[in-house]
Amino acid sequence: MQQAQALYVAHKSNKSQTDIAPTTQNDPIVAEWETLRATSEAKIKNNELMIGELKLQMKRIATLERHNRDLQIRLDTYQQSKGDWEIFRRAFTSDMEELRKGLKELTLDRKK
């Protein structure tokens, strides 16, 4: 493999020169190296895209987790005697449904 890399580097440095040796141009190791490099670069770019998508999902998970904790705090700290029950119930139920939809969307995205 080191020989292939050395040949590839030599090949790349000689590419700009007009006197490239025919054996270097037609060397099967150089051709194999160039093929490996091209296919590997494509796979690496694809990996980067997948990693980026996973990072976005991780951010979504963190947001949903925070939302869930906030709901638990609201539930724990609600005092019936000091709050308007109907307003609390509507807002809390709506927020719970929003969280459920977010979780469902995230799990559906993972199944694709």
PDB file of N, CA and C in Angstrom:
ATOM      1  N   MET A   1       0.822  -1.185   0.000  1.00  0.00           N
ATOM      2  CA  MET A   1       0.000   0.000   0.000  1.00  0.00           C
ATOM      3  C   MET A   1       0.868   1.251   0.000  1.00  0.00           C
ATOM      4  N   GLN A   2       1.989   1.222   0.733  1.00  0.00           N
ATOM      5  CA  GLN A   2       2.881   2.374   0.751  1.00  0.00           C
ATOM      6  C   GLN A   2       3.449   2.626  -0.640  1.00  0.00           C
ATOM      7  N   GLN A   3       3.724   1.553  -1.348  1.00  0.00           N
ATOM      8  CA  GLN A   3       4.241   1.697  -2.704  1.00  0.00           C
ATOM      9  C   GLN A   3       3.188   2.361  -3.580  1.00  0.00           C
ATOM     10  N   ALA A   4       1.927   1.970  -3.410  1.00  0.00           N
ATOM     11  CA  ALA A   4       0.847   2.563  -4.201  1.00  0.00           C
ATOM     12  C   ALA A   4       0.705   4.038  -3.878  1.00  0.00           C
ATOM     13  N   GLN A   5       0.805   4.387  -2.597  1.00  0.00           N
ATOM     14  CA  GLN A   5       0.712   5.788  -2.211  1.00  0.00           C
ATOM     15  C   GLN A   5       1.876   6.582  -2.789  1.00  0.00           C
ATOM     16  N   ALA A   6       3.071   6.016  -2.709  1.00  0.00           N
ATOM     17  CA  ALA A   6       4.242   6.699  -3.255  1.00  0.00           C
ATOM     18  C   ALA A   6       4.094   6.904  -4.750  1.00  0.00           C
ATOM     19  N   LEU A   7       3.624   5.880  -5.434  1.00  0.00           N
ATOM     20  CA  LEU A   7       3.407   6.002  -6.875  1.00  0.00           C
ATOM     21  C   LEU A   7       2.327   7.026  -7.182  1.00  0.00           C
ATOM     22  N   TYR A   8       1.283   7.040  -6.365  1.00  0.00           N
ATOM     23  CA  TYR A   8       0.214   8.004  -6.574  1.00  0.00           C
ATOM     24  C   TYR A   8       0.730   9.428  -6.391  1.00  0.00           C
ATOM     25  N   VAL A   9       1.500   9.643  -5.328  1.00  0.00           N
ATOM     26  CA  VAL A   9       2.065  10.968  -5.085  1.00  0.00           C
ATOM     27  C   VAL A   9       2.985  11.355  -6.231  1.00  0.00           C
ATOM     28  N   ALA A  10       3.823  10.429  -6.648  1.00  0.00           N
ATOM     29  CA  ALA A  10       4.710  10.698  -7.779  1.00  0.00           C
ATOM     30  C   ALA A  10       3.895  10.985  -9.026  1.00  0.00           C
ATOM     31  N   HIS A  11       2.853  10.220  -9.211  1.00  0.00           N
ATOM     32  CA  HIS A  11       1.987  10.409 -10.376  1.00  0.00           C
ATOM     33  C   HIS A  11       1.332  11.786 -10.343  1.00  0.00           C
ATOM     34  N   LYS A  12       0.822  12.189  -9.178  1.00  0.00           N
ATOM     35  CA  LYS A  12       0.177  13.495  -9.045  1.00  0.00           C
ATOM     36  C   LYS A  12       1.174  14.629  -9.287  1.00  0.00           C
ATOM     37  N   SER A  13       2.395  14.493  -8.761  1.00  0.00           N
ATOM     38  CA  SER A  13       3.376  15.562  -8.925  1.00  0.00           C
ATOM     39  C   SER A  13       3.859  15.636 -10.367  1.00  0.00           C
ATOM     40  N   ASN A  14       3.868  14.519 -11.045  1.00  0.00           N
ATOM     41  CA  ASN A  14       4.300  14.508 -12.442  1.00  0.00           C
ATOM     42  C   ASN A  14       3.185  14.869 -13.401  1.00  0.00           C
ATOM     43  N   LYS A  15       1.967  14.888 -12.962  1.00  0.00           N
ATOM     44  CA  LYS A  15       0.833  15.136 -13.834  1.00  0.00           C
ATOM     45  C   LYS A  15       0.923  16.496 -14.513  1.00  0.00           C
ATOM     46  N   SER A  16       1.422  17.479 -13.781  1.00  0.00           N
ATOM     47  CA  SER A  16       1.508  18.820 -14.347  1.00  0.00           C
ATOM     48  C   SER A  16       2.678  18.954 -15.318  1.00  0.00           C
ATOM     49  N   GLN A  17       3.604  18.041 -15.243  1.00  0.00           N
ATOM     50  CA  GLN A  17       4.750  18.083 -16.147  1.00  0.00           C
ATOM     51  C   GLN A  17       4.396  17.382 -17.449  1.00  0.00           C
ATOM     52  N   THR A  18       5.014  17.809 -18.514  1.00  0.00           N
ATOM     53  CA  THR A  18       4.709  17.234 -19.821  1.00  0.00           C
ATOM     54  C   THR A  18       5.460  15.940 -20.077  1.00  0.00           C
ATOM     55  N   ASP A  19       6.497  15.641 -19.294  1.00  0.00           N
ATOM     56  CA  ASP A  19       7.301  14.447 -19.548  1.00  0.00           C
ATOM     57  C   ASP A  19       6.962  13.307 -18.584  1.00  0.00           C
ATOM     58  N   ILE A  20       5.657  12.963 -18.476  1.00  0.00           N
ATOM     59  CA  ILE A  20       5.257  11.853 -17.627  1.00  0.00           C
ATOM     60  C   ILE A  20       5.689  10.555 -18.286  1.00  0.00           C
ATOM     61  N   ALA A  21       6.325   9.721 -17.487  1.00  0.00           N
ATOM     62  CA  ALA A  21       6.802   8.450 -18.024  1.00  0.00           C
ATOM     63  C   ALA A  21       5.615   7.549 -18.339  1.00  0.00           C
ATOM     64  N   PRO A  22       5.609   6.874 -19.470  1.00  0.00           N
ATOM     65  CA  PRO A  22       4.492   6.011 -19.838  1.00  0.00           C
ATOM     66  C   PRO A  22       4.246   4.894 -18.826  1.00  0.00           C
ATOM     67  N   THR A  23       5.303   4.377 -18.186  1.00  0.00           N
ATOM     68  CA  THR A  23       5.105   3.303 -17.216  1.00  0.00           C
ATOM     69  C   THR A  23       4.351   3.810 -15.993  1.00  0.00           C
ATOM     70  N   THR A  24       4.547   5.070 -15.617  1.00  0.00           N
ATOM     71  CA  THR A  24       3.829   5.639 -14.480  1.00  0.00           C
ATOM     72  C   THR A  24       2.359   5.828 -14.830  1.00  0.00           C
ATOM     73  N   GLN A  25       2.091   6.284 -16.045  1.00  0.00           N
ATOM     74  CA  GLN A  25       0.719   6.501 -16.480  1.00  0.00           C
ATOM     75  C   GLN A  25      -0.061   5.192 -16.547  1.00  0.00           C
ATOM     76  N   ASN A  26       0.554   4.154 -16.977  1.00  0.00           N
ATOM     77  CA  ASN A  26      -0.131   2.893 -17.209  1.00  0.00           C
ATOM     78  C   ASN A  26       0.063   1.887 -16.082  1.00  0.00           C
ATOM     79  N   ASP A  27       0.675   2.285 -15.016  1.00  0.00           N
ATOM     80  CA  ASP A  27       0.940   1.383 -13.898  1.00  0.00           C
ATOM     81  C   ASP A  27      -0.388   0.961 -13.266  1.00  0.00           C
ATOM     82  N   PRO A  28      -0.641  -0.356 -13.154  1.00  0.00           N
ATOM     83  CA  PRO A  28      -1.915  -0.813 -12.580  1.00  0.00           C
ATOM     84  C   PRO A  28      -2.087  -0.428 -11.115  1.00  0.00           C
ATOM     85  N   ILE A  29      -0.986  -0.291 -10.383  1.00  0.00           N
ATOM     86  CA  ILE A  29      -1.080   0.104  -8.978  1.00  0.00           C
ATOM     87  C   ILE A  29      -1.601   1.542  -8.874  1.00  0.00           C
ATOM     88  N   VAL A  30      -1.125   2.412  -9.735  1.00  0.00           N
ATOM     89  CA  VAL A  30      -1.588   3.801  -9.730  1.00  0.00           C
ATOM     90  C   VAL A  30      -3.077   3.844 -10.070  1.00  0.00           C
ATOM     91  N   ALA A  31      -3.469   3.072 -11.059  1.00  0.00           N
ATOM     92  CA  ALA A  31      -4.883   3.042 -11.448  1.00  0.00           C
ATOM     93  C   ALA A  31      -5.741   2.508 -10.300  1.00  0.00           C
ATOM     94  N   GLU A  32      -5.257   1.471  -9.643  1.00  0.00           N
ATOM     95  CA  GLU A  32      -5.987   0.893  -8.523  1.00  0.00           C
ATOM     96  C   GLU A  32      -6.095   1.896  -7.384  1.00  0.00           C
ATOM     97  N   TRP A  33      -4.989   2.595  -7.110  1.00  0.00           N
ATOM     98  CA  TRP A  33      -4.981   3.625  -6.063  1.00  0.00           C
ATOM     99  C   TRP A  33      -5.983   4.726  -6.385  1.00  0.00           C
ATOM    100  N   GLU A  34      -6.002   5.181  -7.621  1.00  0.00           N
ATOM    101  CA  GLU A  34      -6.924   6.254  -8.005  1.00  0.00           C
ATOM    102  C   GLU A  34      -8.374   5.801  -7.872  1.00  0.00           C
ATOM    103  N   THR A  35      -8.648   4.558  -8.221  1.00  0.00           N
ATOM    104  CA  THR A  35     -10.000   4.019  -8.077  1.00  0.00           C
ATOM    105  C   THR A  35     -10.387   3.947  -6.606  1.00  0.00           C
ATOM    106  N   LEU A  36      -9.486   3.406  -5.791  1.00  0.00           N
ATOM    107  CA  LEU A  36      -9.743   3.314  -4.359  1.00  0.00           C
ATOM    108  C   LEU A  36      -9.973   4.693  -3.765  1.00  0.00           C
ATOM    109  N   ARG A  37      -9.145   5.625  -4.140  1.00  0.00           N
ATOM    110  CA  ARG A  37      -9.263   6.989  -3.611  1.00  0.00           C
ATOM    111  C   ARG A  37     -10.609   7.603  -3.998  1.00  0.00           C
ATOM    112  N   ALA A  38     -10.992   7.473  -5.241  1.00  0.00           N
ATOM    113  CA  ALA A  38     -12.250   8.067  -5.711  1.00  0.00           C
ATOM    114  C   ALA A  38     -13.459   7.438  -5.015  1.00  0.00           C
ATOM    115  N   THR A  39     -13.476   6.117  -4.925  1.00  0.00           N
ATOM    116  CA  THR A  39     -14.622   5.465  -4.274  1.00  0.00           C
ATOM    117  C   THR A  39     -14.636   5.767  -2.771  1.00  0.00           C
ATOM    118  N   SER A  40     -13.480   5.815  -2.164  1.00  0.00           N
ATOM    119  CA  SER A  40     -13.411   6.122  -0.727  1.00  0.00           C
ATOM    120  C   SER A  40     -13.843   7.548  -0.440  1.00  0.00           C
ATOM    121  N   GLU A  41     -13.451   8.488  -1.276  1.00  0.00           N
ATOM    122  CA  GLU A  41     -13.864   9.877  -1.077  1.00  0.00           C
ATOM    123  C   GLU A  41     -15.381  10.003  -1.178  1.00  0.00           C
ATOM    124  N   ALA A  42     -15.989   9.299  -2.108  1.00  0.00           N
ATOM    125  CA  ALA A  42     -17.448   9.327  -2.240  1.00  0.00           C
ATOM    126  C   ALA A  42     -18.104   8.751  -0.990  1.00  0.00           C
ATOM    127  N   LYS A  43     -17.559   7.655  -0.473  1.00  0.00           N
ATOM    128  CA  LYS A  43     -18.114   7.050   0.736  1.00  0.00           C
ATOM    129  C   LYS A  43     -17.939   7.969   1.939  1.00  0.00           C
ATOM    130  N   ILE A  44     -16.808   8.635   2.026  1.00  0.00           N
ATOM    131  CA  ILE A  44     -16.546   9.559   3.138  1.00  0.00           C
ATOM    132  C   ILE A  44     -17.531  10.723   3.099  1.00  0.00           C
ATOM    133  N   LYS A  45     -17.791  11.261   1.914  1.00  0.00           N
ATOM    134  CA  LYS A  45     -18.764  12.359   1.783  1.00  0.00           C
ATOM    135  C   LYS A  45     -20.155  11.889   2.204  1.00  0.00           C
ATOM    136  N   ASN A  46     -20.516  10.668   1.816  1.00  0.00           N
ATOM    137  CA  ASN A  46     -21.801  10.105   2.219  1.00  0.00           C
ATOM    138  C   ASN A  46     -21.853   9.933   3.740  1.00  0.00           C
ATOM    139  N   ASN A  47     -20.766   9.460   4.331  1.00  0.00           N
ATOM    140  CA  ASN A  47     -20.691   9.321   5.790  1.00  0.00           C
ATOM    141  C   ASN A  47     -20.887  10.673   6.472  1.00  0.00           C
ATOM    142  N   GLU A  48     -20.280  11.716   5.930  1.00  0.00           N
ATOM    143  CA  GLU A  48     -20.407  13.043   6.507  1.00  0.00           C
ATOM    144  C   GLU A  48     -21.858  13.516   6.488  1.00  0.00           C
ATOM    145  N   LEU A  49     -22.565  13.224   5.395  1.00  0.00           N
ATOM    146  CA  LEU A  49     -23.983  13.581   5.314  1.00  0.00           C
ATOM    147  C   LEU A  49     -24.798  12.832   6.369  1.00  0.00           C
ATOM    148  N   MET A  50     -24.528  11.540   6.510  1.00  0.00           N
ATOM    149  CA  MET A  50     -25.244  10.737   7.497  1.00  0.00           C
ATOM    150  C   MET A  50     -24.955  11.222   8.917  1.00  0.00           C
ATOM    151  N   ILE A  51     -23.719  11.580   9.195  1.00  0.00           N
ATOM    152  CA  ILE A  51     -23.333  12.093  10.515  1.00  0.00           C
ATOM    153  C   ILE A  51     -24.058  13.409  10.783  1.00  0.00           C
ATOM    154  N   GLY A  52     -24.137  14.253   9.772  1.00  0.00           N
ATOM    155  CA  GLY A  52     -24.861  15.514   9.914  1.00  0.00           C
ATOM    156  C   GLY A  52     -26.332  15.298  10.238  1.00  0.00           C
ATOM    157  N   GLU A  53     -26.951  14.332   9.572  1.00  0.00           N
ATOM    158  CA  GLU A  53     -28.348  14.005   9.853  1.00  0.00           C
ATOM    159  C   GLU A  53     -28.513  13.483  11.279  1.00  0.00           C
ATOM    160  N   LEU A  54     -27.585  12.654  11.722  1.00  0.00           N
ATOM    161  CA  LEU A  54     -27.647  12.132  13.093  1.00  0.00           C
ATOM    162  C   LEU A  54     -27.483  13.249  14.117  1.00  0.00           C
ATOM    163  N   LYS A  55     -26.607  14.204  13.826  1.00  0.00           N
ATOM    164  CA  LYS A  55     -26.429  15.340  14.736  1.00  0.00           C
ATOM    165  C   LYS A  55     -27.718  16.144  14.851  1.00  0.00           C
ATOM    166  N   LEU A  56     -28.425  16.318  13.718  1.00  0.00           N
ATOM    167  CA  LEU A  56     -29.700  17.025  13.763  1.00  0.00           C
ATOM    168  C   LEU A  56     -30.715  16.261  14.603  1.00  0.00           C
ATOM    169  N   GLN A  57     -30.733  14.944  14.453  1.00  0.00           N
ATOM    170  CA  GLN A  57     -31.639  14.133  15.259  1.00  0.00           C
ATOM    171  C   GLN A  57     -31.284  14.232  16.737  1.00  0.00           C
ATOM    172  N   MET A  58     -30.013  14.267  17.042  1.00  0.00           N
ATOM    173  CA  MET A  58     -29.589  14.387  18.437  1.00  0.00           C
ATOM    174  C   MET A  58     -30.067  15.717  19.024  1.00  0.00           C
ATOM    175  N   LYS A  59     -30.002  16.786  18.228  1.00  0.00           N
ATOM    176  CA  LYS A  59     -30.484  18.084  18.692  1.00  0.00           C
ATOM    177  C   LYS A  59     -31.989  18.032  18.935  1.00  0.00           C
ATOM    178  N   ARG A  60     -32.709  17.359  18.012  1.00  0.00           N
ATOM    179  CA  ARG A  60     -34.161  17.224  18.172  1.00  0.00           C
ATOM    180  C   ARG A  60     -34.480  16.426  19.439  1.00  0.00           C
ATOM    181  N   ILE A  61     -33.725  15.375  19.693  1.00  0.00           N
ATOM    182  CA  ILE A  61     -33.942  14.567  20.889  1.00  0.00           C
ATOM    183  C   ILE A  61     -33.703  15.403  22.142  1.00  0.00           C
ATOM    184  N   ALA A  62     -32.651  16.190  22.146  1.00  0.00           N
ATOM    185  CA  ALA A  62     -32.354  17.035  23.309  1.00  0.00           C
ATOM    186  C   ALA A  62     -33.475  18.047  23.541  1.00  0.00           C
ATOM    187  N   THR A  63     -34.009  18.603  22.466  1.00  0.00           N
ATOM    188  CA  THR A  63     -35.107  19.565  22.582  1.00  0.00           C
ATOM    189  C   THR A  63     -36.356  18.893  23.143  1.00  0.00           C
ATOM    190  N   LEU A  64     -36.659  17.698  22.638  1.00  0.00           N
ATOM    191  CA  LEU A  64     -37.827  16.961  23.130  1.00  0.00           C
ATOM    192  C   LEU A  64     -37.650  16.562  24.593  1.00  0.00           C
ATOM    193  N   GLU A  65     -36.447  16.198  24.957  1.00  0.00           N
ATOM    194  CA  GLU A  65     -36.169  15.831  26.342  1.00  0.00           C
ATOM    195  C   GLU A  65     -36.377  17.029  27.275  1.00  0.00           C
ATOM    196  N   ARG A  66     -35.883  18.199  26.853  1.00  0.00           N
ATOM    197  CA  ARG A  66     -36.080  19.419  27.653  1.00  0.00           C
ATOM    198  C   ARG A  66     -37.572  19.729  27.803  1.00  0.00           C
ATOM    199  N   HIS A  67     -38.294  19.594  26.699  1.00  0.00           N
ATOM    200  CA  HIS A  67     -39.731  19.862  26.705  1.00  0.00           C
ATOM    201  C   HIS A  67     -40.436  18.918  27.690  1.00  0.00           C
ATOM    202  N   ASN A  68     -40.064  17.663  27.687  1.00  0.00           N
ATOM    203  CA  ASN A  68     -40.657  16.688  28.595  1.00  0.00           C
ATOM    204  C   ASN A  68     -40.359  17.040  30.056  1.00  0.00           C
ATOM    205  N   ARG A  69     -39.112  17.430  30.325  1.00  0.00           N
ATOM    206  CA  ARG A  69     -38.754  17.835  31.699  1.00  0.00           C
ATOM    207  C   ARG A  69     -39.553  19.060  32.133  1.00  0.00           C
ATOM    208  N   ASP A  70     -39.703  20.015  31.207  1.00  0.00           N
ATOM    209  CA  ASP A  70     -40.478  21.219  31.522  1.00  0.00           C
ATOM    210  C   ASP A  70     -41.933  20.874  31.839  1.00  0.00           C
ATOM    211  N   LEU A  71     -42.489  19.935  31.109  1.00  0.00           N
ATOM    212  CA  LEU A  71     -43.860  19.512  31.388  1.00  0.00           C
ATOM    213  C   LEU A  71     -43.966  18.884  32.771  1.00  0.00           C
ATOM    214  N   GLN A  72     -42.986  18.077  33.119  1.00  0.00           N
ATOM    215  CA  GLN A  72     -42.993  17.449  34.441  1.00  0.00           C
ATOM    216  C   GLN A  72     -42.915  18.511  35.539  1.00  0.00           C
ATOM    217  N   ILE A  73     -42.087  19.515  35.346  1.00  0.00           N
ATOM    218  CA  ILE A  73     -41.963  20.600  36.328  1.00  0.00           C
ATOM    219  C   ILE A  73     -43.281  21.363  36.449  1.00  0.00           C
ATOM    220  N   ARG A  74     -43.886  21.669  35.299  1.00  0.00           N
ATOM    221  CA  ARG A  74     -45.176  22.377  35.327  1.00  0.00           C
ATOM    222  C   ARG A  74     -46.224  21.555  36.073  1.00  0.00           C
ATOM    223  N   LEU A  75     -46.231  20.258  35.818  1.00  0.00           N
ATOM    224  CA  LEU A  75     -47.187  19.378  36.479  1.00  0.00           C
ATOM    225  C   LEU A  75     -46.935  19.328  37.989  1.00  0.00           C
ATOM    226  N   ASP A  76     -45.671  19.234  38.354  1.00  0.00           N
ATOM    227  CA  ASP A  76     -45.310  19.146  39.776  1.00  0.00           C
ATOM    228  C   ASP A  76     -45.570  20.442  40.537  1.00  0.00           C
ATOM    229  N   THR A  77     -45.440  21.562  39.854  1.00  0.00           N
ATOM    230  CA  THR A  77     -45.542  22.850  40.564  1.00  0.00           C
ATOM    231  C   THR A  77     -46.921  23.503  40.446  1.00  0.00           C
ATOM    232  N   TYR A  78     -47.810  22.914  39.673  1.00  0.00           N
ATOM    233  CA  TYR A  78     -49.141  23.504  39.555  1.00  0.00           C
ATOM    234  C   TYR A  78     -49.862  23.416  40.895  1.00  0.00           C
ATOM    235  N   GLN A  79     -50.421  24.544  41.289  1.00  0.00           N
ATOM    236  CA  GLN A  79     -51.176  24.590  42.537  1.00  0.00           C
ATOM    237  C   GLN A  79     -52.620  24.947  42.196  1.00  0.00           C
ATOM    238  N   GLN A  80     -53.499  24.020  42.446  1.00  0.00           N
ATOM    239  CA  GLN A  80     -54.906  24.217  42.080  1.00  0.00           C
ATOM    240  C   GLN A  80     -55.495  25.477  42.684  1.00  0.00           C
ATOM    241  N   SER A  81     -55.124  25.759  43.889  1.00  0.00           N
ATOM    242  CA  SER A  81     -55.738  26.898  44.570  1.00  0.00           C
ATOM    243  C   SER A  81     -55.312  28.239  43.977  1.00  0.00           C
ATOM    244  N   LYS A  82     -54.154  28.277  43.299  1.00  0.00           N
ATOM    245  CA  LYS A  82     -53.651  29.553  42.793  1.00  0.00           C
ATOM    246  C   LYS A  82     -53.744  29.699  41.275  1.00  0.00           C
ATOM    247  N   GLY A  83     -54.180  28.666  40.595  1.00  0.00           N
ATOM    248  CA  GLY A  83     -54.201  28.759  39.141  1.00  0.00           C
ATOM    249  C   GLY A  83     -55.576  28.529  38.569  1.00  0.00           C
ATOM    250  N   ASP A  84     -55.735  28.987  37.341  1.00  0.00           N
ATOM    251  CA  ASP A  84     -56.979  28.753  36.619  1.00  0.00           C
ATOM    252  C   ASP A  84     -56.879  27.385  35.964  1.00  0.00           C
ATOM    253  N   TRP A  85     -57.648  26.447  36.469  1.00  0.00           N
ATOM    254  CA  TRP A  85     -57.583  25.061  36.035  1.00  0.00           C
ATOM    255  C   TRP A  85     -57.815  24.913  34.533  1.00  0.00           C
ATOM    256  N   GLU A  86     -58.800  25.549  33.986  1.00  0.00           N
ATOM    257  CA  GLU A  86     -59.128  25.390  32.558  1.00  0.00           C
ATOM    258  C   GLU A  86     -57.982  25.867  31.665  1.00  0.00           C
ATOM    259  N   ILE A  87     -57.405  26.990  31.999  1.00  0.00           N
ATOM    260  CA  ILE A  87     -56.277  27.508  31.207  1.00  0.00           C
ATOM    261  C   ILE A  87     -55.092  26.558  31.310  1.00  0.00           C
ATOM    262  N   PHE A  88     -54.773  26.121  32.525  1.00  0.00           N
ATOM    263  CA  PHE A  88     -53.662  25.189  32.723  1.00  0.00           C
ATOM    264  C   PHE A  88     -53.902  23.892  31.950  1.00  0.00           C
ATOM    265  N   ARG A  89     -55.097  23.319  32.091  1.00  0.00           N
ATOM    266  CA  ARG A  89     -55.412  22.043  31.463  1.00  0.00           C
ATOM    267  C   ARG A  89     -55.292  22.125  29.945  1.00  0.00           C
ATOM    268  N   ARG A  90     -55.851  23.171  29.344  1.00  0.00           N
ATOM    269  CA  ARG A  90     -55.778  23.325  27.878  1.00  0.00           C
ATOM    270  C   ARG A  90     -54.333  23.473  27.407  1.00  0.00           C
ATOM    271  N   ALA A  91     -53.584  24.338  28.051  1.00  0.00           N
ATOM    272  CA  ALA A  91     -52.193  24.581  27.650  1.00  0.00           C
ATOM    273  C   ALA A  91     -51.336  23.329  27.866  1.00  0.00           C
ATOM    274  N   PHE A  92     -51.513  22.689  29.001  1.00  0.00           N
ATOM    275  CA  PHE A  92     -50.723  21.507  29.317  1.00  0.00           C
ATOM    276  C   PHE A  92     -51.043  20.370  28.338  1.00  0.00           C
ATOM    277  N   THR A  93     -52.323  20.139  28.085  1.00  0.00           N
ATOM    278  CA  THR A  93     -52.738  19.087  27.151  1.00  0.00           C
ATOM    279  C   THR A  93     -52.216  19.361  25.750  1.00  0.00           C
ATOM    280  N   SER A  94     -52.275  20.604  25.334  1.00  0.00           N
ATOM    281  CA  SER A  94     -51.763  20.990  24.016  1.00  0.00           C
ATOM    282  C   SER A  94     -50.253  20.750  23.922  1.00  0.00           C
ATOM    283  N   ASP A  95     -49.528  21.139  24.956  1.00  0.00           N
ATOM    284  CA  ASP A  95     -48.079  20.941  24.972  1.00  0.00           C
ATOM    285  C   ASP A  95     -47.716  19.458  24.995  1.00  0.00           C
ATOM    286  N   MET A  96     -48.491  18.656  25.724  1.00  0.00           N
ATOM    287  CA  MET A  96     -48.256  17.205  25.750  1.00  0.00           C
ATOM    288  C   MET A  96     -48.460  16.604  24.358  1.00  0.00           C
ATOM    289  N   GLU A  97     -49.490  17.056  23.678  1.00  0.00           N
ATOM    290  CA  GLU A  97     -49.776  16.547  22.325  1.00  0.00           C
ATOM    291  C   GLU A  97     -48.663  16.956  21.357  1.00  0.00           C
ATOM    292  N   GLU A  98     -48.189  18.182  21.496  1.00  0.00           N
ATOM    293  CA  GLU A  98     -47.087  18.655  20.654  1.00  0.00           C
ATOM    294  C   GLU A  98     -45.838  17.794  20.867  1.00  0.00           C
ATOM    295  N   LEU A  99     -45.547  17.488  22.108  1.00  0.00           N
ATOM    296  CA  LEU A  99     -44.399  16.636  22.429  1.00  0.00           C
ATOM    297  C   LEU A  99     -44.588  15.234  21.840  1.00  0.00           C
ATOM    298  N   ARG A 100     -45.784  14.678  21.992  1.00  0.00           N
ATOM    299  CA  ARG A 100     -46.068  13.348  21.457  1.00  0.00           C
ATOM    300  C   ARG A 100     -45.865  13.308  19.943  1.00  0.00           C
ATOM    301  N   LYS A 101     -46.331  14.353  19.252  1.00  0.00           N
ATOM    302  CA  LYS A 101     -46.156  14.423  17.795  1.00  0.00           C
ATOM    303  C   LYS A 101     -44.670  14.497  17.431  1.00  0.00           C
ATOM    304  N   GLY A 102     -43.917  15.287  18.171  1.00  0.00           N
ATOM    305  CA  GLY A 102     -42.482  15.392  17.917  1.00  0.00           C
ATOM    306  C   GLY A 102     -41.769  14.068  18.101  1.00  0.00           C
ATOM    307  N   LEU A 103     -42.135  13.347  19.149  1.00  0.00           N
ATOM    308  CA  LEU A 103     -41.540  12.032  19.394  1.00  0.00           C
ATOM    309  C   LEU A 103     -41.930  11.050  18.299  1.00  0.00           C
ATOM    310  N   LYS A 104     -43.179  11.105  17.893  1.00  0.00           N
ATOM    311  CA  LYS A 104     -43.658  10.198  16.849  1.00  0.00           C
ATOM    312  C   LYS A 104     -42.936  10.478  15.524  1.00  0.00           C
ATOM    313  N   GLU A 105     -42.788  11.751  15.176  1.00  0.00           N
ATOM    314  CA  GLU A 105     -42.078  12.117  13.948  1.00  0.00           C
ATOM    315  C   GLU A 105     -40.639  11.621  13.978  1.00  0.00           C
ATOM    316  N   LEU A 106     -40.007  11.760  15.116  1.00  0.00           N
ATOM    317  CA  LEU A 106     -38.619  11.328  15.249  1.00  0.00           C
ATOM    318  C   LEU A 106     -38.509   9.821  15.072  1.00  0.00           C
ATOM    319  N   THR A 107     -39.406   9.073  15.670  1.00  0.00           N
ATOM    320  CA  THR A 107     -39.347   7.615  15.527  1.00  0.00           C
ATOM    321  C   THR A 107     -39.706   7.182  14.123  1.00  0.00           C
ATOM    322  N   LEU A 108     -40.610   7.892  13.465  1.00  0.00           N
ATOM    323  CA  LEU A 108     -40.929   7.558  12.078  1.00  0.00           C
ATOM    324  C   LEU A 108     -39.752   7.846  11.159  1.00  0.00           C
ATOM    325  N   ASP A 109     -39.020   8.926  11.425  1.00  0.00           N
ATOM    326  CA  ASP A 109     -37.828   9.265  10.630  1.00  0.00           C
ATOM    327  C   ASP A 109     -36.786   8.157  10.735  1.00  0.00           C
ATOM    328  N   ARG A 110     -36.645   7.550  11.896  1.00  0.00           N
ATOM    329  CA  ARG A 110     -35.643   6.513  12.103  1.00  0.00           C
ATOM    330  C   ARG A 110     -35.991   5.212  11.377  1.00  0.00           C
ATOM    331  N   LYS A 111     -37.296   4.986  11.143  1.00  0.00           N
ATOM    332  CA  LYS A 111     -37.722   3.756  10.476  1.00  0.00           C
ATOM    333  C   LYS A 111     -37.508   3.805   8.967  1.00  0.00           C
ATOM    334  N   LYS A 112     -37.314   4.986   8.428  1.00  0.00           N
ATOM    335  CA  LYS A 112     -37.126   5.141   6.970  1.00  0.00           C
ATOM    336  C   LYS A 112     -35.815   4.568   6.517  1.00  0.00           C
TER     337      LYS A 112
END
